[in-house]
N, C-alpha and C. Protein backbone atom coordinates (compact mmCIF):
# COMPACT_ATOMS: atom_id res chain seq x y z
N UNK A 1 -18.88 -38.56 58.11
CA UNK A 1 -20.06 -38.19 58.90
C UNK A 1 -19.69 -37.98 60.40
N UNK A 2 -20.07 -36.88 60.90
CA UNK A 2 -19.84 -36.63 62.38
C UNK A 2 -21.04 -37.14 63.16
N UNK A 3 -20.70 -37.91 64.21
CA UNK A 3 -21.68 -38.46 65.12
C UNK A 3 -21.78 -37.44 66.31
N UNK A 4 -23.01 -36.91 66.46
CA UNK A 4 -23.20 -36.02 67.59
C UNK A 4 -23.78 -36.77 68.78
N UNK A 5 -23.25 -36.40 69.99
CA UNK A 5 -23.53 -37.11 71.26
C UNK A 5 -23.99 -36.14 72.31
N UNK A 6 -24.95 -36.56 73.08
CA UNK A 6 -25.34 -35.89 74.32
C UNK A 6 -25.00 -36.79 75.50
N UNK A 7 -24.37 -36.19 76.53
CA UNK A 7 -23.89 -36.95 77.70
C UNK A 7 -24.81 -36.61 78.89
N UNK A 8 -25.31 -37.62 79.56
CA UNK A 8 -26.21 -37.38 80.70
C UNK A 8 -25.69 -38.18 81.86
N UNK A 9 -25.15 -37.58 82.88
CA UNK A 9 -24.60 -38.20 84.05
C UNK A 9 -24.50 -37.13 85.12
N UNK A 10 -24.88 -37.50 86.32
CA UNK A 10 -24.91 -36.44 87.39
C UNK A 10 -23.58 -36.19 88.03
N UNK A 11 -22.50 -36.88 87.53
CA UNK A 11 -21.13 -36.64 88.06
C UNK A 11 -20.37 -35.85 87.02
N UNK A 12 -20.03 -34.61 87.24
CA UNK A 12 -19.30 -33.74 86.32
C UNK A 12 -17.90 -34.43 85.89
N UNK A 13 -17.28 -35.14 86.78
CA UNK A 13 -15.99 -35.72 86.42
C UNK A 13 -16.19 -36.80 85.40
N UNK A 14 -17.32 -37.56 85.53
CA UNK A 14 -17.54 -38.65 84.59
C UNK A 14 -17.85 -38.02 83.19
N UNK A 15 -18.66 -36.99 83.21
CA UNK A 15 -18.97 -36.29 81.90
C UNK A 15 -17.72 -35.77 81.26
N UNK A 16 -16.87 -35.18 82.04
CA UNK A 16 -15.68 -34.56 81.45
C UNK A 16 -14.80 -35.66 80.91
N UNK A 17 -14.70 -36.80 81.59
CA UNK A 17 -13.87 -37.90 81.17
C UNK A 17 -14.43 -38.48 79.77
N UNK A 18 -15.75 -38.56 79.72
CA UNK A 18 -16.43 -39.06 78.48
C UNK A 18 -16.22 -38.08 77.31
N UNK A 19 -16.34 -36.81 77.68
CA UNK A 19 -16.15 -35.76 76.62
C UNK A 19 -14.78 -35.85 76.01
N UNK A 20 -13.75 -35.93 76.91
CA UNK A 20 -12.40 -35.98 76.44
C UNK A 20 -12.18 -37.23 75.58
N UNK A 21 -12.76 -38.36 76.05
CA UNK A 21 -12.56 -39.60 75.33
C UNK A 21 -13.22 -39.54 73.95
N UNK A 22 -14.46 -39.09 73.87
CA UNK A 22 -15.16 -39.03 72.65
C UNK A 22 -14.61 -38.08 71.65
N UNK A 23 -14.24 -36.89 72.13
CA UNK A 23 -13.77 -35.89 71.24
C UNK A 23 -12.35 -36.10 70.74
N UNK A 24 -11.66 -37.12 71.28
CA UNK A 24 -10.41 -37.61 70.75
C UNK A 24 -10.64 -38.36 69.42
N UNK A 25 -11.87 -38.79 69.18
CA UNK A 25 -12.24 -39.43 67.97
C UNK A 25 -12.64 -38.38 66.92
N UNK A 26 -12.02 -38.55 65.74
CA UNK A 26 -12.20 -37.52 64.68
C UNK A 26 -13.67 -37.35 64.27
N UNK A 27 -14.42 -38.43 64.37
CA UNK A 27 -15.82 -38.39 63.88
C UNK A 27 -16.93 -38.16 64.92
N UNK A 28 -16.45 -37.91 66.17
CA UNK A 28 -17.43 -37.69 67.28
C UNK A 28 -17.41 -36.26 67.71
N UNK A 29 -18.62 -35.69 68.04
CA UNK A 29 -18.73 -34.38 68.60
C UNK A 29 -19.73 -34.42 69.72
N UNK A 30 -19.32 -33.90 70.94
CA UNK A 30 -20.28 -33.82 72.09
C UNK A 30 -21.04 -32.53 71.94
N UNK A 31 -22.34 -32.65 71.67
CA UNK A 31 -23.19 -31.49 71.48
C UNK A 31 -23.62 -30.81 72.75
N UNK A 32 -23.73 -31.60 73.80
CA UNK A 32 -24.28 -31.13 75.10
C UNK A 32 -24.05 -32.06 76.19
N UNK A 33 -24.21 -31.52 77.42
CA UNK A 33 -24.11 -32.32 78.67
C UNK A 33 -25.30 -32.03 79.58
N UNK A 34 -25.74 -33.09 80.33
CA UNK A 34 -26.80 -32.91 81.30
C UNK A 34 -26.49 -33.56 82.59
N UNK A 35 -26.87 -32.92 83.69
CA UNK A 35 -26.56 -33.53 85.04
C UNK A 35 -27.77 -34.18 85.61
N UNK A 36 -28.93 -34.08 85.02
CA UNK A 36 -30.11 -34.83 85.52
C UNK A 36 -31.01 -35.21 84.29
N UNK A 37 -32.01 -36.00 84.65
CA UNK A 37 -32.82 -36.57 83.58
C UNK A 37 -33.68 -35.50 82.77
N UNK A 38 -34.20 -34.52 83.51
CA UNK A 38 -34.94 -33.45 82.82
C UNK A 38 -34.10 -32.65 81.87
N UNK A 39 -32.93 -32.36 82.37
CA UNK A 39 -31.96 -31.53 81.51
C UNK A 39 -31.55 -32.40 80.26
N UNK A 40 -31.49 -33.70 80.49
CA UNK A 40 -31.10 -34.60 79.34
C UNK A 40 -32.18 -34.51 78.26
N UNK A 41 -33.47 -34.48 78.66
CA UNK A 41 -34.55 -34.42 77.67
C UNK A 41 -34.43 -33.05 76.94
N UNK A 42 -34.13 -32.01 77.68
CA UNK A 42 -33.98 -30.70 77.10
C UNK A 42 -32.85 -30.69 76.05
N UNK A 43 -31.77 -31.36 76.38
CA UNK A 43 -30.61 -31.39 75.49
C UNK A 43 -30.96 -32.18 74.20
N UNK A 44 -31.71 -33.27 74.36
CA UNK A 44 -32.10 -34.05 73.23
C UNK A 44 -33.01 -33.27 72.27
N UNK A 45 -33.91 -32.59 72.85
CA UNK A 45 -34.87 -31.74 72.08
C UNK A 45 -34.06 -30.60 71.38
N UNK A 46 -33.12 -30.04 72.05
CA UNK A 46 -32.34 -28.94 71.48
C UNK A 46 -31.39 -29.35 70.38
N UNK A 47 -30.57 -30.39 70.66
CA UNK A 47 -29.56 -30.81 69.76
C UNK A 47 -29.85 -31.93 68.78
N UNK A 48 -30.91 -32.73 69.08
CA UNK A 48 -31.24 -33.87 68.24
C UNK A 48 -29.99 -34.73 67.91
N UNK A 49 -29.34 -35.25 68.94
CA UNK A 49 -28.11 -36.02 68.72
C UNK A 49 -28.33 -37.33 68.03
N UNK A 50 -27.23 -37.85 67.52
CA UNK A 50 -27.29 -39.22 66.97
C UNK A 50 -27.34 -40.21 68.12
N UNK A 51 -26.66 -39.89 69.23
CA UNK A 51 -26.50 -40.83 70.27
C UNK A 51 -26.65 -40.06 71.67
N UNK A 52 -27.42 -40.71 72.55
CA UNK A 52 -27.57 -40.30 73.94
C UNK A 52 -26.87 -41.34 74.84
N UNK A 53 -25.84 -40.85 75.54
CA UNK A 53 -25.24 -41.73 76.56
C UNK A 53 -25.73 -41.28 77.94
N UNK A 54 -26.42 -42.20 78.58
CA UNK A 54 -27.16 -41.85 79.78
C UNK A 54 -26.89 -42.73 80.93
N UNK A 55 -26.62 -42.16 82.11
CA UNK A 55 -26.42 -42.95 83.35
C UNK A 55 -27.79 -43.56 83.73
N UNK A 56 -27.73 -44.72 84.32
CA UNK A 56 -28.89 -45.44 84.74
C UNK A 56 -29.60 -44.68 85.84
N UNK A 57 -28.76 -44.21 86.86
CA UNK A 57 -29.28 -43.62 88.07
C UNK A 57 -28.98 -42.10 88.04
N UNK A 58 -30.04 -41.23 87.88
CA UNK A 58 -29.84 -39.82 87.86
C UNK A 58 -30.98 -39.15 88.54
N UNK A 59 -30.78 -37.94 89.09
CA UNK A 59 -31.81 -37.19 89.74
C UNK A 59 -32.83 -36.66 88.62
N UNK A 60 -33.98 -36.33 89.18
CA UNK A 60 -35.05 -35.87 88.24
C UNK A 60 -35.79 -36.95 87.58
N UNK A 61 -35.16 -37.61 86.59
CA UNK A 61 -35.69 -38.77 85.93
C UNK A 61 -34.49 -39.74 85.79
N UNK A 62 -34.68 -41.00 86.13
CA UNK A 62 -33.54 -41.94 85.84
C UNK A 62 -33.46 -42.26 84.42
N UNK A 63 -32.35 -42.99 84.04
CA UNK A 63 -32.11 -43.27 82.67
C UNK A 63 -33.26 -44.07 82.00
N UNK A 64 -33.92 -45.01 82.79
CA UNK A 64 -35.00 -45.79 82.13
C UNK A 64 -36.20 -44.99 81.81
N UNK A 65 -36.35 -43.81 82.52
CA UNK A 65 -37.45 -42.91 82.21
C UNK A 65 -37.09 -41.94 81.10
N UNK A 66 -35.84 -41.63 81.08
CA UNK A 66 -35.34 -40.64 80.04
C UNK A 66 -35.40 -41.23 78.70
N UNK A 67 -34.98 -42.51 78.53
CA UNK A 67 -34.84 -43.06 77.18
C UNK A 67 -36.05 -43.05 76.34
N UNK A 68 -37.22 -43.65 76.82
CA UNK A 68 -38.42 -43.62 76.00
C UNK A 68 -38.91 -42.15 75.67
N UNK A 69 -38.80 -41.30 76.63
CA UNK A 69 -39.22 -39.91 76.40
C UNK A 69 -38.38 -39.24 75.37
N UNK A 70 -36.98 -39.53 75.46
CA UNK A 70 -36.10 -38.95 74.51
C UNK A 70 -36.30 -39.43 73.12
N UNK A 71 -36.65 -40.75 72.99
CA UNK A 71 -36.88 -41.30 71.70
C UNK A 71 -38.19 -40.81 71.10
N UNK A 72 -39.14 -40.39 71.91
CA UNK A 72 -40.36 -39.74 71.33
C UNK A 72 -40.02 -38.37 70.84
N UNK A 73 -39.05 -37.72 71.48
CA UNK A 73 -38.61 -36.39 71.04
C UNK A 73 -37.78 -36.47 69.70
N UNK A 74 -37.00 -37.53 69.63
CA UNK A 74 -36.10 -37.68 68.53
C UNK A 74 -35.92 -39.18 68.16
N UNK A 75 -36.84 -39.75 67.46
CA UNK A 75 -36.81 -41.21 67.16
C UNK A 75 -35.57 -41.72 66.50
N UNK A 76 -34.91 -40.91 65.73
CA UNK A 76 -33.69 -41.35 65.00
C UNK A 76 -32.53 -41.61 65.94
N UNK A 77 -32.61 -41.18 67.13
CA UNK A 77 -31.55 -41.27 68.09
C UNK A 77 -31.29 -42.71 68.56
N UNK A 78 -30.02 -42.99 68.89
CA UNK A 78 -29.69 -44.26 69.63
C UNK A 78 -29.39 -43.91 71.09
N UNK A 79 -29.74 -44.77 71.99
CA UNK A 79 -29.44 -44.57 73.36
C UNK A 79 -28.54 -45.61 73.93
N UNK A 80 -27.51 -45.22 74.69
CA UNK A 80 -26.60 -46.18 75.30
C UNK A 80 -26.63 -45.84 76.85
N UNK A 81 -26.91 -46.91 77.59
CA UNK A 81 -26.87 -46.75 79.07
C UNK A 81 -25.47 -47.03 79.58
N UNK A 82 -24.95 -46.13 80.44
CA UNK A 82 -23.69 -46.29 81.10
C UNK A 82 -23.95 -46.53 82.58
N UNK A 83 -23.64 -47.67 83.10
CA UNK A 83 -24.07 -47.99 84.46
C UNK A 83 -23.08 -48.85 85.21
N UNK A 84 -23.16 -48.77 86.52
CA UNK A 84 -22.40 -49.67 87.43
C UNK A 84 -23.23 -50.96 87.65
N UNK A 85 -24.46 -50.98 87.30
CA UNK A 85 -25.25 -52.18 87.54
C UNK A 85 -25.13 -53.24 86.48
N UNK A 86 -24.77 -54.41 86.89
CA UNK A 86 -24.56 -55.52 85.87
C UNK A 86 -25.65 -56.64 85.99
N UNK A 87 -26.54 -56.48 86.93
CA UNK A 87 -27.59 -57.53 87.15
C UNK A 87 -28.46 -57.57 85.87
N UNK A 88 -28.88 -58.85 85.47
CA UNK A 88 -29.74 -59.05 84.33
C UNK A 88 -30.96 -58.13 84.36
N UNK A 89 -31.54 -57.95 85.54
CA UNK A 89 -32.81 -57.21 85.62
C UNK A 89 -32.61 -55.78 85.16
N UNK A 90 -31.50 -55.19 85.50
CA UNK A 90 -31.23 -53.80 85.05
C UNK A 90 -30.98 -53.70 83.57
N UNK A 91 -30.23 -54.66 83.04
CA UNK A 91 -29.97 -54.70 81.61
C UNK A 91 -31.21 -54.88 80.77
N UNK A 92 -32.00 -55.79 81.20
CA UNK A 92 -33.28 -56.08 80.48
C UNK A 92 -34.26 -54.89 80.51
N UNK A 93 -34.25 -54.23 81.72
CA UNK A 93 -35.09 -53.07 81.86
C UNK A 93 -34.61 -51.96 80.86
N UNK A 94 -33.32 -51.77 80.73
CA UNK A 94 -32.80 -50.74 79.88
C UNK A 94 -33.13 -51.08 78.42
N UNK A 95 -32.97 -52.40 78.02
CA UNK A 95 -33.31 -52.74 76.61
C UNK A 95 -34.79 -52.58 76.36
N UNK A 96 -35.66 -52.90 77.31
CA UNK A 96 -37.09 -52.76 77.16
C UNK A 96 -37.45 -51.21 77.04
N UNK A 97 -36.67 -50.39 77.64
CA UNK A 97 -36.96 -48.94 77.64
C UNK A 97 -36.59 -48.34 76.26
N UNK A 98 -35.85 -49.04 75.48
CA UNK A 98 -35.48 -48.56 74.13
C UNK A 98 -33.96 -48.40 73.93
N UNK A 99 -33.13 -48.73 74.90
CA UNK A 99 -31.72 -48.62 74.79
C UNK A 99 -31.19 -49.53 73.70
N UNK A 100 -30.19 -49.00 72.97
CA UNK A 100 -29.55 -49.86 71.93
C UNK A 100 -28.26 -50.46 72.51
N UNK A 101 -27.79 -49.96 73.62
CA UNK A 101 -26.53 -50.44 74.18
C UNK A 101 -26.53 -50.33 75.66
N UNK A 102 -25.68 -51.14 76.32
CA UNK A 102 -25.53 -51.10 77.76
C UNK A 102 -24.09 -51.30 78.11
N UNK A 103 -23.40 -50.29 78.65
CA UNK A 103 -21.96 -50.38 78.91
C UNK A 103 -21.72 -50.20 80.38
N UNK A 104 -20.88 -51.10 80.91
CA UNK A 104 -20.58 -51.04 82.38
C UNK A 104 -19.51 -49.96 82.62
N UNK A 105 -19.63 -49.24 83.67
CA UNK A 105 -18.64 -48.19 83.99
C UNK A 105 -17.25 -48.74 84.37
N UNK A 106 -17.30 -50.01 84.72
CA UNK A 106 -16.00 -50.61 85.18
C UNK A 106 -15.13 -50.98 83.97
N UNK A 107 -15.71 -51.00 82.76
CA UNK A 107 -14.89 -51.43 81.56
C UNK A 107 -13.92 -50.33 81.13
N UNK A 108 -13.04 -50.74 80.21
CA UNK A 108 -12.06 -49.81 79.73
C UNK A 108 -12.67 -48.64 78.92
N UNK A 109 -11.95 -47.57 78.79
CA UNK A 109 -12.52 -46.36 78.10
C UNK A 109 -12.83 -46.62 76.66
N UNK A 110 -12.10 -47.51 76.00
CA UNK A 110 -12.36 -47.77 74.60
C UNK A 110 -13.70 -48.39 74.30
N UNK A 111 -14.29 -48.97 75.30
CA UNK A 111 -15.56 -49.69 75.07
C UNK A 111 -16.67 -48.78 74.73
N UNK A 112 -16.79 -47.67 75.33
CA UNK A 112 -17.86 -46.73 74.95
C UNK A 112 -17.75 -46.26 73.51
N UNK A 113 -16.51 -46.13 72.98
CA UNK A 113 -16.24 -45.80 71.64
C UNK A 113 -16.77 -46.88 70.71
N UNK A 114 -16.49 -48.14 71.06
CA UNK A 114 -17.01 -49.28 70.27
C UNK A 114 -18.50 -49.30 70.33
N UNK A 115 -19.09 -49.02 71.48
CA UNK A 115 -20.54 -49.07 71.62
C UNK A 115 -21.20 -48.05 70.77
N UNK A 116 -20.61 -46.90 70.66
CA UNK A 116 -21.24 -45.80 69.82
C UNK A 116 -21.10 -46.26 68.31
N UNK A 117 -20.03 -46.77 67.94
CA UNK A 117 -19.91 -47.23 66.59
C UNK A 117 -20.87 -48.32 66.23
N UNK A 118 -21.01 -49.29 67.14
CA UNK A 118 -21.90 -50.40 66.91
C UNK A 118 -23.34 -49.92 66.78
N UNK A 119 -23.83 -49.12 67.70
CA UNK A 119 -25.27 -48.69 67.64
C UNK A 119 -25.49 -47.81 66.42
N UNK A 120 -24.50 -47.05 66.02
CA UNK A 120 -24.67 -46.27 64.78
C UNK A 120 -24.79 -47.09 63.51
N UNK A 121 -24.29 -48.24 63.60
CA UNK A 121 -24.44 -49.24 62.50
C UNK A 121 -25.69 -50.07 62.58
N UNK A 122 -26.52 -49.75 63.60
CA UNK A 122 -27.79 -50.47 63.77
C UNK A 122 -27.65 -51.74 64.52
N UNK A 123 -26.58 -51.97 65.20
CA UNK A 123 -26.38 -53.16 66.00
C UNK A 123 -26.50 -52.98 67.48
N UNK A 124 -27.11 -53.80 68.21
CA UNK A 124 -27.09 -53.64 69.68
C UNK A 124 -25.77 -53.94 70.25
N UNK A 125 -25.52 -53.34 71.41
CA UNK A 125 -24.19 -53.53 72.02
C UNK A 125 -24.32 -53.76 73.55
N UNK A 126 -23.68 -54.81 74.03
CA UNK A 126 -23.63 -55.06 75.42
C UNK A 126 -22.12 -55.26 75.84
N UNK A 127 -21.76 -54.76 77.05
CA UNK A 127 -20.39 -55.01 77.53
C UNK A 127 -20.13 -56.52 77.52
N UNK A 128 -18.93 -56.90 77.20
CA UNK A 128 -18.61 -58.36 77.08
C UNK A 128 -18.94 -59.18 78.34
N UNK A 129 -18.87 -58.56 79.44
CA UNK A 129 -19.15 -59.24 80.73
C UNK A 129 -20.62 -59.64 80.80
N UNK A 130 -21.47 -58.93 80.12
CA UNK A 130 -22.92 -59.24 80.19
C UNK A 130 -23.27 -60.38 79.28
N UNK A 131 -24.21 -61.13 79.61
CA UNK A 131 -24.62 -62.31 78.90
C UNK A 131 -25.28 -61.95 77.54
N UNK A 132 -24.83 -62.57 76.47
CA UNK A 132 -25.37 -62.30 75.15
C UNK A 132 -26.83 -62.84 75.02
N UNK A 133 -27.19 -63.73 75.98
CA UNK A 133 -28.58 -64.20 75.96
C UNK A 133 -29.62 -63.11 76.17
N UNK A 134 -29.11 -61.99 76.84
CA UNK A 134 -30.02 -60.95 77.07
C UNK A 134 -30.45 -60.23 75.72
N UNK A 135 -29.58 -60.22 74.80
CA UNK A 135 -29.95 -59.67 73.47
C UNK A 135 -30.96 -60.60 72.82
N UNK A 136 -30.81 -61.93 73.03
CA UNK A 136 -31.79 -62.84 72.42
C UNK A 136 -33.16 -62.58 72.98
N UNK A 137 -33.30 -62.18 74.20
CA UNK A 137 -34.57 -61.97 74.79
C UNK A 137 -35.27 -60.71 74.16
N UNK A 138 -34.44 -59.70 73.99
CA UNK A 138 -34.96 -58.45 73.54
C UNK A 138 -34.59 -58.06 72.13
N UNK A 139 -34.13 -59.01 71.34
CA UNK A 139 -33.50 -58.68 70.04
C UNK A 139 -34.41 -57.94 69.12
N UNK A 140 -35.74 -58.36 69.13
CA UNK A 140 -36.75 -57.68 68.25
C UNK A 140 -36.87 -56.20 68.65
N UNK A 141 -36.72 -55.91 69.91
CA UNK A 141 -36.90 -54.52 70.34
C UNK A 141 -35.66 -53.68 70.20
N UNK A 142 -34.50 -54.35 70.34
CA UNK A 142 -33.23 -53.63 70.25
C UNK A 142 -32.86 -53.30 68.87
N UNK A 143 -33.00 -54.26 67.98
CA UNK A 143 -32.64 -54.01 66.53
C UNK A 143 -33.65 -53.14 65.84
N UNK A 144 -33.20 -52.08 65.26
CA UNK A 144 -34.17 -51.18 64.53
C UNK A 144 -34.80 -51.89 63.31
N UNK A 145 -35.97 -51.38 63.00
CA UNK A 145 -36.63 -51.84 61.81
C UNK A 145 -35.76 -51.47 60.62
N UNK A 146 -35.42 -52.48 59.71
CA UNK A 146 -34.50 -52.19 58.59
C UNK A 146 -35.00 -50.99 57.75
N UNK A 147 -36.32 -50.85 57.66
CA UNK A 147 -36.91 -49.80 56.84
C UNK A 147 -36.51 -48.42 57.37
N UNK A 148 -36.36 -48.35 58.73
CA UNK A 148 -35.96 -47.08 59.31
C UNK A 148 -34.53 -46.70 59.01
N UNK A 149 -33.69 -47.67 58.44
CA UNK A 149 -32.33 -47.35 58.08
C UNK A 149 -32.20 -46.78 56.67
N UNK A 150 -33.36 -46.82 55.90
CA UNK A 150 -33.33 -46.27 54.54
C UNK A 150 -33.27 -44.81 54.58
N UNK A 151 -32.56 -44.24 53.61
CA UNK A 151 -32.55 -42.76 53.41
C UNK A 151 -33.83 -42.37 52.74
N UNK A 152 -34.14 -41.07 52.74
CA UNK A 152 -35.32 -40.60 52.02
C UNK A 152 -35.27 -40.97 50.55
N UNK A 153 -34.10 -40.84 49.93
CA UNK A 153 -34.04 -41.27 48.55
C UNK A 153 -34.23 -42.72 48.34
N UNK A 154 -33.69 -43.52 49.24
CA UNK A 154 -33.90 -44.96 49.08
C UNK A 154 -35.35 -45.36 49.28
N UNK A 155 -36.07 -44.60 50.10
CA UNK A 155 -37.54 -44.85 50.27
C UNK A 155 -38.28 -44.53 49.03
N UNK A 156 -37.92 -43.45 48.41
CA UNK A 156 -38.51 -43.06 47.16
C UNK A 156 -38.27 -44.20 46.10
N UNK A 157 -37.03 -44.62 46.03
CA UNK A 157 -36.74 -45.62 45.01
C UNK A 157 -37.39 -47.00 45.34
N UNK A 158 -37.57 -47.26 46.60
CA UNK A 158 -38.28 -48.52 46.97
C UNK A 158 -39.68 -48.45 46.38
N UNK A 159 -40.39 -47.39 46.60
CA UNK A 159 -41.77 -47.34 46.05
C UNK A 159 -41.82 -47.35 44.52
N UNK A 160 -40.92 -46.54 43.95
CA UNK A 160 -40.91 -46.58 42.45
C UNK A 160 -40.56 -47.94 41.82
N UNK A 161 -39.62 -48.66 42.50
CA UNK A 161 -39.20 -49.95 42.06
C UNK A 161 -40.40 -50.89 42.26
N UNK A 162 -41.11 -50.81 43.38
CA UNK A 162 -42.28 -51.67 43.62
C UNK A 162 -43.27 -51.38 42.59
N UNK A 163 -43.43 -50.20 42.13
CA UNK A 163 -44.41 -49.82 41.13
C UNK A 163 -44.10 -50.28 39.73
N UNK A 164 -42.82 -50.84 39.55
CA UNK A 164 -42.45 -51.40 38.34
C UNK A 164 -41.56 -50.57 37.46
N UNK A 165 -41.06 -49.44 37.97
CA UNK A 165 -40.20 -48.57 37.16
C UNK A 165 -38.78 -49.12 37.13
N UNK A 166 -38.11 -48.99 35.99
CA UNK A 166 -36.72 -49.44 35.81
C UNK A 166 -35.87 -48.34 36.35
N UNK A 167 -34.58 -48.61 36.46
CA UNK A 167 -33.57 -47.65 37.00
C UNK A 167 -33.56 -46.39 36.05
N UNK A 168 -33.55 -46.53 34.71
CA UNK A 168 -33.59 -45.30 33.87
C UNK A 168 -34.81 -44.47 34.11
N UNK A 169 -35.98 -45.10 34.24
CA UNK A 169 -37.22 -44.41 34.49
C UNK A 169 -37.20 -43.68 35.80
N UNK A 170 -36.64 -44.40 36.87
CA UNK A 170 -36.55 -43.74 38.16
C UNK A 170 -35.57 -42.57 38.13
N UNK A 171 -34.53 -42.71 37.34
CA UNK A 171 -33.52 -41.62 37.25
C UNK A 171 -34.14 -40.40 36.65
N UNK A 172 -34.95 -40.60 35.63
CA UNK A 172 -35.66 -39.54 34.93
C UNK A 172 -36.65 -38.80 35.95
N UNK A 173 -37.43 -39.60 36.66
CA UNK A 173 -38.41 -39.07 37.54
C UNK A 173 -37.75 -38.21 38.70
N UNK A 174 -36.56 -38.70 39.14
CA UNK A 174 -35.87 -38.05 40.32
C UNK A 174 -34.80 -37.10 39.90
N UNK A 175 -34.66 -36.96 38.60
CA UNK A 175 -33.63 -36.04 38.03
C UNK A 175 -32.18 -36.39 38.51
N UNK A 176 -31.88 -37.69 38.47
CA UNK A 176 -30.59 -38.18 38.80
C UNK A 176 -30.09 -39.08 37.73
N UNK A 177 -28.82 -39.48 37.73
CA UNK A 177 -28.29 -40.38 36.67
C UNK A 177 -28.75 -41.81 36.85
N UNK A 178 -28.89 -42.53 35.79
CA UNK A 178 -29.25 -43.98 35.89
C UNK A 178 -28.29 -44.71 36.82
N UNK A 179 -27.03 -44.37 36.79
CA UNK A 179 -26.04 -45.01 37.67
C UNK A 179 -26.34 -44.71 39.12
N UNK A 180 -26.61 -43.49 39.48
CA UNK A 180 -26.99 -43.10 40.84
C UNK A 180 -28.26 -43.84 41.26
N UNK A 181 -29.24 -43.93 40.38
CA UNK A 181 -30.48 -44.55 40.76
C UNK A 181 -30.18 -46.09 41.05
N UNK A 182 -29.31 -46.66 40.24
CA UNK A 182 -29.03 -48.11 40.45
C UNK A 182 -28.31 -48.34 41.75
N UNK A 183 -27.35 -47.42 42.09
CA UNK A 183 -26.63 -47.48 43.37
C UNK A 183 -27.60 -47.41 44.54
N UNK A 184 -28.52 -46.39 44.51
CA UNK A 184 -29.50 -46.30 45.57
C UNK A 184 -30.39 -47.53 45.66
N UNK A 185 -30.76 -48.07 44.49
CA UNK A 185 -31.63 -49.26 44.48
C UNK A 185 -30.94 -50.46 45.05
N UNK A 186 -29.68 -50.53 44.73
CA UNK A 186 -28.89 -51.71 45.22
C UNK A 186 -28.74 -51.64 46.79
N UNK A 187 -28.50 -50.47 47.24
CA UNK A 187 -28.33 -50.20 48.71
C UNK A 187 -29.65 -50.48 49.44
N UNK A 188 -30.69 -50.03 48.85
CA UNK A 188 -31.99 -50.20 49.42
C UNK A 188 -32.35 -51.77 49.55
N UNK A 189 -32.08 -52.50 48.47
CA UNK A 189 -32.43 -53.92 48.54
C UNK A 189 -31.53 -54.67 49.50
N UNK A 190 -30.23 -54.22 49.59
CA UNK A 190 -29.32 -54.90 50.53
C UNK A 190 -29.75 -54.66 51.96
N UNK A 191 -30.19 -53.45 52.27
CA UNK A 191 -30.59 -53.12 53.65
C UNK A 191 -31.86 -53.89 54.02
N UNK A 192 -32.73 -54.11 53.05
CA UNK A 192 -33.95 -54.82 53.36
C UNK A 192 -33.90 -56.32 53.16
N UNK A 193 -32.72 -56.77 52.61
CA UNK A 193 -32.58 -58.24 52.37
C UNK A 193 -33.39 -58.72 51.24
N UNK A 194 -33.65 -57.89 50.25
CA UNK A 194 -34.43 -58.28 49.03
C UNK A 194 -33.54 -58.54 47.89
N UNK A 195 -34.02 -59.42 47.00
CA UNK A 195 -33.10 -59.88 45.95
C UNK A 195 -33.60 -59.70 44.53
N UNK A 196 -34.88 -59.46 44.38
CA UNK A 196 -35.47 -59.26 43.07
C UNK A 196 -36.73 -58.44 43.18
N UNK A 197 -37.28 -58.08 41.97
CA UNK A 197 -38.42 -57.28 41.96
C UNK A 197 -39.66 -57.84 42.68
N UNK A 198 -39.89 -59.16 42.53
CA UNK A 198 -40.96 -59.84 43.16
C UNK A 198 -40.93 -59.64 44.71
N UNK A 199 -39.75 -59.78 45.27
CA UNK A 199 -39.55 -59.62 46.69
C UNK A 199 -39.77 -58.11 47.09
N UNK A 200 -39.32 -57.19 46.26
CA UNK A 200 -39.63 -55.78 46.55
C UNK A 200 -41.07 -55.53 46.53
N UNK A 201 -41.82 -56.05 45.55
CA UNK A 201 -43.25 -55.86 45.47
C UNK A 201 -43.94 -56.44 46.74
N UNK A 202 -43.57 -57.63 47.08
CA UNK A 202 -44.24 -58.28 48.32
C UNK A 202 -44.00 -57.45 49.52
N UNK A 203 -42.71 -56.91 49.62
CA UNK A 203 -42.38 -56.16 50.85
C UNK A 203 -43.22 -54.90 50.83
N UNK A 204 -43.35 -54.20 49.68
CA UNK A 204 -44.07 -52.94 49.60
C UNK A 204 -45.51 -53.13 49.94
N UNK A 205 -46.10 -54.22 49.51
CA UNK A 205 -47.54 -54.55 49.83
C UNK A 205 -47.68 -54.86 51.27
N UNK A 206 -46.82 -55.67 51.84
CA UNK A 206 -46.80 -55.97 53.24
C UNK A 206 -46.65 -54.77 54.14
N UNK A 207 -45.78 -53.89 53.71
CA UNK A 207 -45.47 -52.69 54.49
C UNK A 207 -46.54 -51.63 54.37
N UNK A 208 -47.39 -51.74 53.34
CA UNK A 208 -48.39 -50.71 53.15
C UNK A 208 -47.95 -49.59 52.28
N UNK A 209 -46.82 -49.75 51.62
CA UNK A 209 -46.30 -48.73 50.70
C UNK A 209 -47.13 -48.71 49.43
N UNK A 210 -47.59 -49.83 48.98
CA UNK A 210 -48.50 -50.02 47.88
C UNK A 210 -49.75 -50.53 48.39
N UNK A 211 -50.86 -50.11 47.89
CA UNK A 211 -52.18 -50.68 48.40
C UNK A 211 -52.44 -52.04 47.85
N UNK A 212 -53.03 -52.90 48.67
CA UNK A 212 -53.46 -54.20 48.25
C UNK A 212 -54.59 -54.10 47.22
N UNK A 213 -54.55 -54.87 46.26
CA UNK A 213 -55.66 -54.90 45.20
C UNK A 213 -56.84 -55.56 45.79
N UNK A 214 -57.99 -55.06 45.46
CA UNK A 214 -59.25 -55.68 45.89
C UNK A 214 -59.49 -56.91 45.11
């Protein structure tokens, strides 16, 4: 899987350095660059990247304003703030804006690569210098809803499983093999932390996937 990235920083040298660094990774591709906040939004709308790496301080719109607007344009995207600011207030503001990661510019070049990998796995990332307690404050907002990590096929199988269909029945309905249906079912349950049909049913009812009986 290729991870597409949009870079947003008002310093061309910084963007070039990031591009060179990321494109040395076989699974990364820089789809676009932006020199200000408004251009960053345009790039997100155009390329729908997996990850937006955005400077905290930019002309037009700063990073804190760009992130929530960008996520409205493309909710599946992850955002990583790249900043010189290490004060708690800046980091918390970034996390509250919807950022999944916060990387200090003073850190080594390999850290931004690690940050991209982490957020793509659904994990928040902070530079080691920053206090992990900040993640505890915002953990509910930083970590994505596990349901959002499900593929379209896994969501279909979640509903069918909750409705009481077996893997062979699901396979027939979706025109896939029973083995494939079981693999998708297993992955779905693992992502949601469910262990049996009763838990799947409760989850589906709580989530509104199945209607509550009167």
